Amino acid sequence: MARVSVARLLVLAATLTAALLAAAPPPTRAAWVESDYPSSMACGVTIPVEQCDPADGAANAACRDMCHYGGRRGGRCVAPGRLALVQGCHCRC
């Protein structure tokens, strides 16, 4: 009897896991990456991009990749403040 209960629990756990994975939203991609951007940029420049939200992981990944493509050591989204006058993608040197 205990084996049946354990087997049922395993089936239930597998079913719930499959349902959760199927219901998970697809990974997001920052929409602004689809547009054209410069293939090279000056060191430490911030490219104005309104959709580059510092709290958005996909936007930061897109910014990092864009800066790498431009020959820089990565980058991240910044809000107006200490590093930038506008919200955008700030590329490191």
PDB file of N, CA and C in Angstrom:
ATOM      1  N   MET A   1       0.820  -1.193   0.000  1.00  0.00           N
ATOM      2  CA  MET A   1       0.000   0.000   0.000  1.00  0.00           C
ATOM      3  C   MET A   1       0.869   1.263   0.000  1.00  0.00           C
ATOM      4  N   ALA A   2       1.957   1.247   0.750  1.00  0.00           N
ATOM      5  CA  ALA A   2       2.825   2.417   0.805  1.00  0.00           C
ATOM      6  C   ALA A   2       3.484   2.682  -0.542  1.00  0.00           C
ATOM      7  N   ARG A   3       3.790   1.626  -1.301  1.00  0.00           N
ATOM      8  CA  ARG A   3       4.413   1.800  -2.612  1.00  0.00           C
ATOM      9  C   ARG A   3       3.467   2.497  -3.580  1.00  0.00           C
ATOM     10  N   VAL A   4       2.197   2.195  -3.510  1.00  0.00           N
ATOM     11  CA  VAL A   4       1.209   2.838  -4.376  1.00  0.00           C
ATOM     12  C   VAL A   4       1.129   4.320  -4.047  1.00  0.00           C
ATOM     13  N   SER A   5       1.142   4.667  -2.790  1.00  0.00           N
ATOM     14  CA  SER A   5       1.067   6.074  -2.387  1.00  0.00           C
ATOM     15  C   SER A   5       2.295   6.843  -2.852  1.00  0.00           C
ATOM     16  N   VAL A   6       3.468   6.247  -2.722  1.00  0.00           N
ATOM     17  CA  VAL A   6       4.695   6.905  -3.163  1.00  0.00           C
ATOM     18  C   VAL A   6       4.669   7.074  -4.679  1.00  0.00           C
ATOM     19  N   ALA A   7       4.224   6.053  -5.383  1.00  0.00           N
ATOM     20  CA  ALA A   7       4.143   6.136  -6.841  1.00  0.00           C
ATOM     21  C   ALA A   7       3.166   7.221  -7.269  1.00  0.00           C
ATOM     22  N   ARG A   8       2.038   7.291  -6.586  1.00  0.00           N
ATOM     23  CA  ARG A   8       1.056   8.336  -6.919  1.00  0.00           C
ATOM     24  C   ARG A   8       1.617   9.728  -6.637  1.00  0.00           C
ATOM     25  N   LEU A   9       2.358   9.858  -5.552  1.00  0.00           N
ATOM     26  CA  LEU A   9       2.970  11.151  -5.237  1.00  0.00           C
ATOM     27  C   LEU A   9       3.996  11.543  -6.301  1.00  0.00           C
ATOM     28  N   LEU A  10       4.771  10.581  -6.768  1.00  0.00           N
ATOM     29  CA  LEU A  10       5.748  10.873  -7.815  1.00  0.00           C
ATOM     30  C   LEU A  10       5.066  11.298  -9.113  1.00  0.00           C
ATOM     31  N   VAL A  11       3.982  10.607  -9.464  1.00  0.00           N
ATOM     32  CA  VAL A  11       3.236  10.970 -10.671  1.00  0.00           C
ATOM     33  C   VAL A  11       2.627  12.359 -10.515  1.00  0.00           C
ATOM     34  N   LEU A  12       2.074  12.632  -9.347  1.00  0.00           N
ATOM     35  CA  LEU A  12       1.486  13.947  -9.083  1.00  0.00           C
ATOM     36  C   LEU A  12       2.552  15.042  -9.160  1.00  0.00           C
ATOM     37  N   ALA A  13       3.717  14.801  -8.559  1.00  0.00           N
ATOM     38  CA  ALA A  13       4.799  15.787  -8.595  1.00  0.00           C
ATOM     39  C   ALA A  13       5.265  16.027 -10.029  1.00  0.00           C
ATOM     40  N   ALA A  14       5.398  14.970 -10.809  1.00  0.00           N
ATOM     41  CA  ALA A  14       5.824  15.117 -12.201  1.00  0.00           C
ATOM     42  C   ALA A  14       4.783  15.881 -13.014  1.00  0.00           C
ATOM     43  N   THR A  15       3.510  15.597 -12.766  1.00  0.00           N
ATOM     44  CA  THR A  15       2.434  16.280 -13.484  1.00  0.00           C
ATOM     45  C   THR A  15       2.415  17.768 -13.142  1.00  0.00           C
ATOM     46  N   LEU A  16       2.550  18.090 -11.861  1.00  0.00           N
ATOM     47  CA  LEU A  16       2.566  19.497 -11.445  1.00  0.00           C
ATOM     48  C   LEU A  16       3.775  20.232 -12.021  1.00  0.00           C
ATOM     49  N   THR A  17       4.921  19.585 -12.022  1.00  0.00           N
ATOM     50  CA  THR A  17       6.120  20.207 -12.586  1.00  0.00           C
ATOM     51  C   THR A  17       5.935  20.492 -14.069  1.00  0.00           C
ATOM     52  N   ALA A  18       5.399  19.525 -14.794  1.00  0.00           N
ATOM     53  CA  ALA A  18       5.160  19.717 -16.227  1.00  0.00           C
ATOM     54  C   ALA A  18       4.160  20.839 -16.470  1.00  0.00           C
ATOM     55  N   ALA A  19       3.124  20.915 -15.644  1.00  0.00           N
ATOM     56  CA  ALA A  19       2.117  21.967 -15.800  1.00  0.00           C
ATOM     57  C   ALA A  19       2.717  23.343 -15.526  1.00  0.00           C
ATOM     58  N   LEU A  20       3.555  23.446 -14.502  1.00  0.00           N
ATOM     59  CA  LEU A  20       4.185  24.727 -14.185  1.00  0.00           C
ATOM     60  C   LEU A  20       5.143  25.162 -15.290  1.00  0.00           C
ATOM     61  N   LEU A  21       5.897  24.230 -15.831  1.00  0.00           N
ATOM     62  CA  LEU A  21       6.822  24.579 -16.910  1.00  0.00           C
ATOM     63  C   LEU A  21       6.079  24.996 -18.171  1.00  0.00           C
ATOM     64  N   ALA A  22       4.969  24.343 -18.442  1.00  0.00           N
ATOM     65  CA  ALA A  22       4.180  24.683 -19.626  1.00  0.00           C
ATOM     66  C   ALA A  22       3.507  26.042 -19.472  1.00  0.00           C
ATOM     67  N   ALA A  23       3.162  26.414 -18.242  1.00  0.00           N
ATOM     68  CA  ALA A  23       2.463  27.672 -18.000  1.00  0.00           C
ATOM     69  C   ALA A  23       3.414  28.858 -17.873  1.00  0.00           C
ATOM     70  N   ALA A  24       4.708  28.599 -17.741  1.00  0.00           N
ATOM     71  CA  ALA A  24       5.671  29.686 -17.571  1.00  0.00           C
ATOM     72  C   ALA A  24       5.726  30.529 -18.839  1.00  0.00           C
ATOM     73  N   PRO A  25       5.794  31.850 -18.683  1.00  0.00           N
ATOM     74  CA  PRO A  25       5.871  32.710 -19.866  1.00  0.00           C
ATOM     75  C   PRO A  25       7.204  32.506 -20.577  1.00  0.00           C
ATOM     76  N   PRO A  26       7.235  32.719 -21.876  1.00  0.00           N
ATOM     77  CA  PRO A  26       8.500  32.578 -22.602  1.00  0.00           C
ATOM     78  C   PRO A  26       9.472  33.662 -22.154  1.00  0.00           C
ATOM     79  N   PRO A  27      10.766  33.425 -22.270  1.00  0.00           N
ATOM     80  CA  PRO A  27      11.722  34.447 -21.873  1.00  0.00           C
ATOM     81  C   PRO A  27      11.505  35.716 -22.686  1.00  0.00           C
ATOM     82  N   THR A  28      11.594  36.845 -22.002  1.00  0.00           N
ATOM     83  CA  THR A  28      11.373  38.118 -22.679  1.00  0.00           C
ATOM     84  C   THR A  28      12.643  38.578 -23.369  1.00  0.00           C
ATOM     85  N   ARG A  29      12.463  39.356 -24.385  1.00  0.00           N
ATOM     86  CA  ARG A  29      13.591  39.952 -25.088  1.00  0.00           C
ATOM     87  C   ARG A  29      13.307  41.437 -25.199  1.00  0.00           C
ATOM     88  N   ALA A  30      14.285  42.218 -24.914  1.00  0.00           N
ATOM     89  CA  ALA A  30      14.096  43.657 -24.986  1.00  0.00           C
ATOM     90  C   ALA A  30      13.764  44.054 -26.422  1.00  0.00           C
ATOM     91  N   ALA A  31      12.630  44.717 -26.603  1.00  0.00           N
ATOM     92  CA  ALA A  31      12.144  45.069 -27.939  1.00  0.00           C
ATOM     93  C   ALA A  31      13.092  46.020 -28.661  1.00  0.00           C
ATOM     94  N   TRP A  32      13.782  46.867 -27.918  1.00  0.00           N
ATOM     95  CA  TRP A  32      14.624  47.853 -28.572  1.00  0.00           C
ATOM     96  C   TRP A  32      15.828  47.224 -29.255  1.00  0.00           C
ATOM     97  N   VAL A  33      16.155  45.975 -28.925  1.00  0.00           N
ATOM     98  CA  VAL A  33      17.285  45.308 -29.559  1.00  0.00           C
ATOM     99  C   VAL A  33      17.001  45.048 -31.030  1.00  0.00           C
ATOM    100  N   GLU A  34      15.719  44.915 -31.374  1.00  0.00           N
ATOM    101  CA  GLU A  34      15.343  44.641 -32.758  1.00  0.00           C
ATOM    102  C   GLU A  34      15.668  45.811 -33.681  1.00  0.00           C
ATOM    103  N   SER A  35      15.801  47.000 -33.121  1.00  0.00           N
ATOM    104  CA  SER A  35      16.077  48.169 -33.958  1.00  0.00           C
ATOM    105  C   SER A  35      17.574  48.259 -34.257  1.00  0.00           C
ATOM    106  N   ASP A  36      17.919  49.160 -35.141  1.00  0.00           N
ATOM    107  CA  ASP A  36      19.330  49.357 -35.476  1.00  0.00           C
ATOM    108  C   ASP A  36      20.033  50.085 -34.343  1.00  0.00           C
ATOM    109  N   TYR A  37      21.284  49.757 -34.140  1.00  0.00           N
ATOM    110  CA  TYR A  37      22.104  50.468 -33.176  1.00  0.00           C
ATOM    111  C   TYR A  37      23.515  50.532 -33.736  1.00  0.00           C
ATOM    112  N   PRO A  38      24.318  51.464 -33.249  1.00  0.00           N
ATOM    113  CA  PRO A  38      25.653  51.645 -33.817  1.00  0.00           C
ATOM    114  C   PRO A  38      26.529  50.414 -33.608  1.00  0.00           C
ATOM    115  N   SER A  39      27.357  50.101 -34.601  1.00  0.00           N
ATOM    116  CA  SER A  39      28.238  48.945 -34.482  1.00  0.00           C
ATOM    117  C   SER A  39      29.518  49.286 -33.733  1.00  0.00           C
ATOM    118  N   SER A  40      29.768  50.541 -33.498  1.00  0.00           N
ATOM    119  CA  SER A  40      30.895  50.941 -32.658  1.00  0.00           C
ATOM    120  C   SER A  40      30.511  52.230 -31.958  1.00  0.00           C
ATOM    121  N   MET A  41      30.934  52.359 -30.734  1.00  0.00           N
ATOM    122  CA  MET A  41      30.595  53.550 -29.977  1.00  0.00           C
ATOM    123  C   MET A  41      31.776  53.957 -29.111  1.00  0.00           C
ATOM    124  N   ALA A  42      31.811  55.215 -28.746  1.00  0.00           N
ATOM    125  CA  ALA A  42      32.902  55.731 -27.937  1.00  0.00           C
ATOM    126  C   ALA A  42      32.871  55.115 -26.542  1.00  0.00           C
ATOM    127  N   CYS A  43      34.014  55.071 -25.928  1.00  0.00           N
ATOM    128  CA  CYS A  43      34.150  54.502 -24.592  1.00  0.00           C
ATOM    129  C   CYS A  43      33.356  55.328 -23.579  1.00  0.00           C
ATOM    130  N   GLY A  44      32.540  54.673 -22.773  1.00  0.00           N
ATOM    131  CA  GLY A  44      31.785  55.336 -21.727  1.00  0.00           C
ATOM    132  C   GLY A  44      30.557  56.090 -22.188  1.00  0.00           C
ATOM    133  N   VAL A  45      30.137  55.883 -23.417  1.00  0.00           N
ATOM    134  CA  VAL A  45      28.983  56.601 -23.946  1.00  0.00           C
ATOM    135  C   VAL A  45      27.683  55.948 -23.474  1.00  0.00           C
ATOM    136  N   THR A  46      26.640  56.751 -23.317  1.00  0.00           N
ATOM    137  CA  THR A  46      25.309  56.243 -23.002  1.00  0.00           C
ATOM    138  C   THR A  46      24.420  56.480 -24.211  1.00  0.00           C
ATOM    139  N   ILE A  47      23.888  55.400 -24.758  1.00  0.00           N
ATOM    140  CA  ILE A  47      23.002  55.482 -25.916  1.00  0.00           C
ATOM    141  C   ILE A  47      21.585  55.659 -25.401  1.00  0.00           C
ATOM    142  N   PRO A  48      20.898  56.755 -25.747  1.00  0.00           N
ATOM    143  CA  PRO A  48      19.539  56.971 -25.241  1.00  0.00           C
ATOM    144  C   PRO A  48      18.574  55.897 -25.745  1.00  0.00           C
ATOM    145  N   VAL A  49      18.016  55.139 -24.827  1.00  0.00           N
ATOM    146  CA  VAL A  49      17.028  54.105 -25.147  1.00  0.00           C
ATOM    147  C   VAL A  49      16.010  54.103 -24.014  1.00  0.00           C
ATOM    148  N   GLU A  50      14.796  54.582 -24.277  1.00  0.00           N
ATOM    149  CA  GLU A  50      13.777  54.672 -23.231  1.00  0.00           C
ATOM    150  C   GLU A  50      13.416  53.314 -22.648  1.00  0.00           C
ATOM    151  N   GLN A  51      13.452  52.253 -23.477  1.00  0.00           N
ATOM    152  CA  GLN A  51      13.046  50.932 -23.016  1.00  0.00           C
ATOM    153  C   GLN A  51      14.133  50.225 -22.215  1.00  0.00           C
ATOM    154  N   CYS A  52      15.301  50.807 -22.076  1.00  0.00           N
ATOM    155  CA  CYS A  52      16.396  50.180 -21.336  1.00  0.00           C
ATOM    156  C   CYS A  52      16.189  50.449 -19.847  1.00  0.00           C
ATOM    157  N   ASP A  53      15.423  49.580 -19.207  1.00  0.00           N
ATOM    158  CA  ASP A  53      15.069  49.720 -17.798  1.00  0.00           C
ATOM    159  C   ASP A  53      16.125  49.036 -16.930  1.00  0.00           C
ATOM    160  N   PRO A  54      16.762  49.763 -15.999  1.00  0.00           N
ATOM    161  CA  PRO A  54      17.791  49.163 -15.156  1.00  0.00           C
ATOM    162  C   PRO A  54      17.304  47.957 -14.345  1.00  0.00           C
ATOM    163  N   ALA A  55      16.016  47.867 -14.077  1.00  0.00           N
ATOM    164  CA  ALA A  55      15.481  46.759 -13.284  1.00  0.00           C
ATOM    165  C   ALA A  55      15.113  45.543 -14.134  1.00  0.00           C
ATOM    166  N   ASP A  56      15.203  45.661 -15.449  1.00  0.00           N
ATOM    167  CA  ASP A  56      14.796  44.579 -16.356  1.00  0.00           C
ATOM    168  C   ASP A  56      16.010  43.759 -16.780  1.00  0.00           C
ATOM    169  N   GLY A  57      16.024  42.495 -16.394  1.00  0.00           N
ATOM    170  CA  GLY A  57      17.150  41.624 -16.711  1.00  0.00           C
ATOM    171  C   GLY A  57      17.366  41.441 -18.200  1.00  0.00           C
ATOM    172  N   ALA A  58      16.275  41.302 -18.960  1.00  0.00           N
ATOM    173  CA  ALA A  58      16.395  41.120 -20.412  1.00  0.00           C
ATOM    174  C   ALA A  58      16.968  42.373 -21.067  1.00  0.00           C
ATOM    175  N   ALA A  59      16.552  43.536 -20.594  1.00  0.00           N
ATOM    176  CA  ALA A  59      17.065  44.786 -21.157  1.00  0.00           C
ATOM    177  C   ALA A  59      18.552  44.941 -20.850  1.00  0.00           C
ATOM    178  N   ASN A  60      18.964  44.591 -19.635  1.00  0.00           N
ATOM    179  CA  ASN A  60      20.380  44.672 -19.280  1.00  0.00           C
ATOM    180  C   ASN A  60      21.215  43.701 -20.101  1.00  0.00           C
ATOM    181  N   ALA A  61      20.697  42.503 -20.331  1.00  0.00           N
ATOM    182  CA  ALA A  61      21.418  41.523 -21.152  1.00  0.00           C
ATOM    183  C   ALA A  61      21.558  42.031 -22.584  1.00  0.00           C
ATOM    184  N   ALA A  62      20.501  42.643 -23.106  1.00  0.00           N
ATOM    185  CA  ALA A  62      20.545  43.182 -24.465  1.00  0.00           C
ATOM    186  C   ALA A  62      21.545  44.334 -24.556  1.00  0.00           C
ATOM    187  N   CYS A  63      21.569  45.175 -23.548  1.00  0.00           N
ATOM    188  CA  CYS A  63      22.512  46.294 -23.517  1.00  0.00           C
ATOM    189  C   CYS A  63      23.945  45.768 -23.473  1.00  0.00           C
ATOM    190  N   ARG A  64      24.190  44.794 -22.618  1.00  0.00           N
ATOM    191  CA  ARG A  64      25.522  44.196 -22.507  1.00  0.00           C
ATOM    192  C   ARG A  64      25.969  43.626 -23.860  1.00  0.00           C
ATOM    193  N   ASP A  65      25.065  42.888 -24.507  1.00  0.00           N
ATOM    194  CA  ASP A  65      25.396  42.288 -25.800  1.00  0.00           C
ATOM    195  C   ASP A  65      25.651  43.351 -26.862  1.00  0.00           C
ATOM    196  N   MET A  66      24.845  44.407 -26.858  1.00  0.00           N
ATOM    197  CA  MET A  66      25.018  45.475 -27.829  1.00  0.00           C
ATOM    198  C   MET A  66      26.384  46.131 -27.650  1.00  0.00           C
ATOM    199  N   CYS A  67      26.775  46.377 -26.414  1.00  0.00           N
ATOM    200  CA  CYS A  67      28.073  47.004 -26.163  1.00  0.00           C
ATOM    201  C   CYS A  67      29.219  46.076 -26.570  1.00  0.00           C
ATOM    202  N   HIS A  68      29.085  44.776 -26.297  1.00  0.00           N
ATOM    203  CA  HIS A  68      30.100  43.814 -26.748  1.00  0.00           C
ATOM    204  C   HIS A  68      30.220  43.850 -28.264  1.00  0.00           C
ATOM    205  N   TYR A  69      29.083  43.896 -28.952  1.00  0.00           N
ATOM    206  CA  TYR A  69      29.071  43.952 -30.414  1.00  0.00           C
ATOM    207  C   TYR A  69      29.796  45.203 -30.905  1.00  0.00           C
ATOM    208  N   GLY A  70      29.673  46.272 -30.146  1.00  0.00           N
ATOM    209  CA  GLY A  70      30.322  47.530 -30.507  1.00  0.00           C
ATOM    210  C   GLY A  70      31.776  47.614 -30.086  1.00  0.00           C
ATOM    211  N   GLY A  71      32.336  46.527 -29.560  1.00  0.00           N
ATOM    212  CA  GLY A  71      33.749  46.516 -29.207  1.00  0.00           C
ATOM    213  C   GLY A  71      34.050  46.969 -27.793  1.00  0.00           C
ATOM    214  N   ARG A  72      33.062  47.064 -26.949  1.00  0.00           N
ATOM    215  CA  ARG A  72      33.262  47.491 -25.561  1.00  0.00           C
ATOM    216  C   ARG A  72      33.198  46.297 -24.615  1.00  0.00           C
ATOM    217  N   ARG A  73      33.499  46.529 -23.345  1.00  0.00           N
ATOM    218  CA  ARG A  73      33.524  45.468 -22.339  1.00  0.00           C
ATOM    219  C   ARG A  73      32.168  45.274 -21.673  1.00  0.00           C
ATOM    220  N   GLY A  74      31.121  45.358 -22.411  1.00  0.00           N
ATOM    221  CA  GLY A  74      29.784  45.178 -21.852  1.00  0.00           C
ATOM    222  C   GLY A  74      29.156  46.499 -21.498  1.00  0.00           C
ATOM    223  N   GLY A  75      27.994  46.421 -20.884  1.00  0.00           N
ATOM    224  CA  GLY A  75      27.274  47.619 -20.501  1.00  0.00           C
ATOM    225  C   GLY A  75      26.054  47.253 -19.697  1.00  0.00           C
ATOM    226  N   ARG A  76      25.319  48.272 -19.274  1.00  0.00           N
ATOM    227  CA  ARG A  76      24.090  48.052 -18.515  1.00  0.00           C
ATOM    228  C   ARG A  76      23.171  49.242 -18.703  1.00  0.00           C
ATOM    229  N   CYS A  77      21.905  48.998 -18.433  1.00  0.00           N
ATOM    230  CA  CYS A  77      20.920  50.073 -18.522  1.00  0.00           C
ATOM    231  C   CYS A  77      21.108  51.024 -17.346  1.00  0.00           C
ATOM    232  N   VAL A  78      20.982  52.296 -17.611  1.00  0.00           N
ATOM    233  CA  VAL A  78      21.107  53.301 -16.560  1.00  0.00           C
ATOM    234  C   VAL A  78      19.925  54.259 -16.633  1.00  0.00           C
ATOM    235  N   ALA A  79      19.572  54.789 -15.482  1.00  0.00           N
ATOM    236  CA  ALA A  79      18.536  55.816 -15.384  1.00  0.00           C
ATOM    237  C   ALA A  79      19.238  57.170 -15.305  1.00  0.00           C
ATOM    238  N   PRO A  80      18.537  58.257 -15.608  1.00  0.00           N
ATOM    239  CA  PRO A  80      19.161  59.575 -15.488  1.00  0.00           C
ATOM    240  C   PRO A  80      19.701  59.773 -14.076  1.00  0.00           C
ATOM    241  N   GLY A  81      20.914  60.254 -13.991  1.00  0.00           N
ATOM    242  CA  GLY A  81      21.527  60.451 -12.677  1.00  0.00           C
ATOM    243  C   GLY A  81      23.024  60.613 -12.800  1.00  0.00           C
ATOM    244  N   ARG A  82      23.746  59.872 -11.965  1.00  0.00           N
ATOM    245  CA  ARG A  82      25.193  60.023 -11.871  1.00  0.00           C
ATOM    246  C   ARG A  82      25.925  59.636 -13.162  1.00  0.00           C
ATOM    247  N   LEU A  83      25.550  58.516 -13.782  1.00  0.00           N
ATOM    248  CA  LEU A  83      26.251  58.048 -14.978  1.00  0.00           C
ATOM    249  C   LEU A  83      25.734  58.642 -16.279  1.00  0.00           C
ATOM    250  N   ALA A  84      24.501  59.072 -16.284  1.00  0.00           N
ATOM    251  CA  ALA A  84      23.918  59.502 -17.554  1.00  0.00           C
ATOM    252  C   ALA A  84      22.919  60.629 -17.349  1.00  0.00           C
ATOM    253  N   LEU A  85      22.760  61.431 -18.399  1.00  0.00           N
ATOM    254  CA  LEU A  85      21.755  62.489 -18.370  1.00  0.00           C
ATOM    255  C   LEU A  85      20.402  61.969 -18.830  1.00  0.00           C
ATOM    256  N   VAL A  86      20.412  60.858 -19.559  1.00  0.00           N
ATOM    257  CA  VAL A  86      19.180  60.268 -20.085  1.00  0.00           C
ATOM    258  C   VAL A  86      19.162  58.780 -19.751  1.00  0.00           C
ATOM    259  N   GLN A  87      17.970  58.197 -19.792  1.00  0.00           N
ATOM    260  CA  GLN A  87      17.862  56.751 -19.611  1.00  0.00           C
ATOM    261  C   GLN A  87      18.378  56.072 -20.866  1.00  0.00           C
ATOM    262  N   GLY A  88      19.210  55.050 -20.692  1.00  0.00           N
ATOM    263  CA  GLY A  88      19.741  54.374 -21.863  1.00  0.00           C
ATOM    264  C   GLY A  88      20.707  53.274 -21.514  1.00  0.00           C
ATOM    265  N   CYS A  89      21.457  52.867 -22.513  1.00  0.00           N
ATOM    266  CA  CYS A  89      22.430  51.784 -22.396  1.00  0.00           C
ATOM    267  C   CYS A  89      23.818  52.405 -22.270  1.00  0.00           C
ATOM    268  N   HIS A  90      24.469  52.198 -21.137  1.00  0.00           N
ATOM    269  CA  HIS A  90      25.789  52.770 -20.873  1.00  0.00           C
ATOM    270  C   HIS A  90      26.851  51.704 -21.110  1.00  0.00           C
ATOM    271  N   CYS A  91      27.720  51.944 -22.083  1.00  0.00           N
ATOM    272  CA  CYS A  91      28.775  50.985 -22.426  1.00  0.00           C
ATOM    273  C   CYS A  91      30.047  51.276 -21.633  1.00  0.00           C
ATOM    274  N   ARG A  92      30.636  50.211 -21.096  1.00  0.00           N
ATOM    275  CA  ARG A  92      31.892  50.348 -20.351  1.00  0.00           C
ATOM    276  C   ARG A  92      33.077  50.365 -21.306  1.00  0.00           C
ATOM    277  N   CYS A  93      34.179  50.865 -20.805  1.00  0.00           N
ATOM    278  CA  CYS A  93      35.419  50.917 -21.604  1.00  0.00           C
ATOM    279  C   CYS A  93      36.115  49.577 -21.600  1.00  0.00           C
TER     280      CYS A  93
END
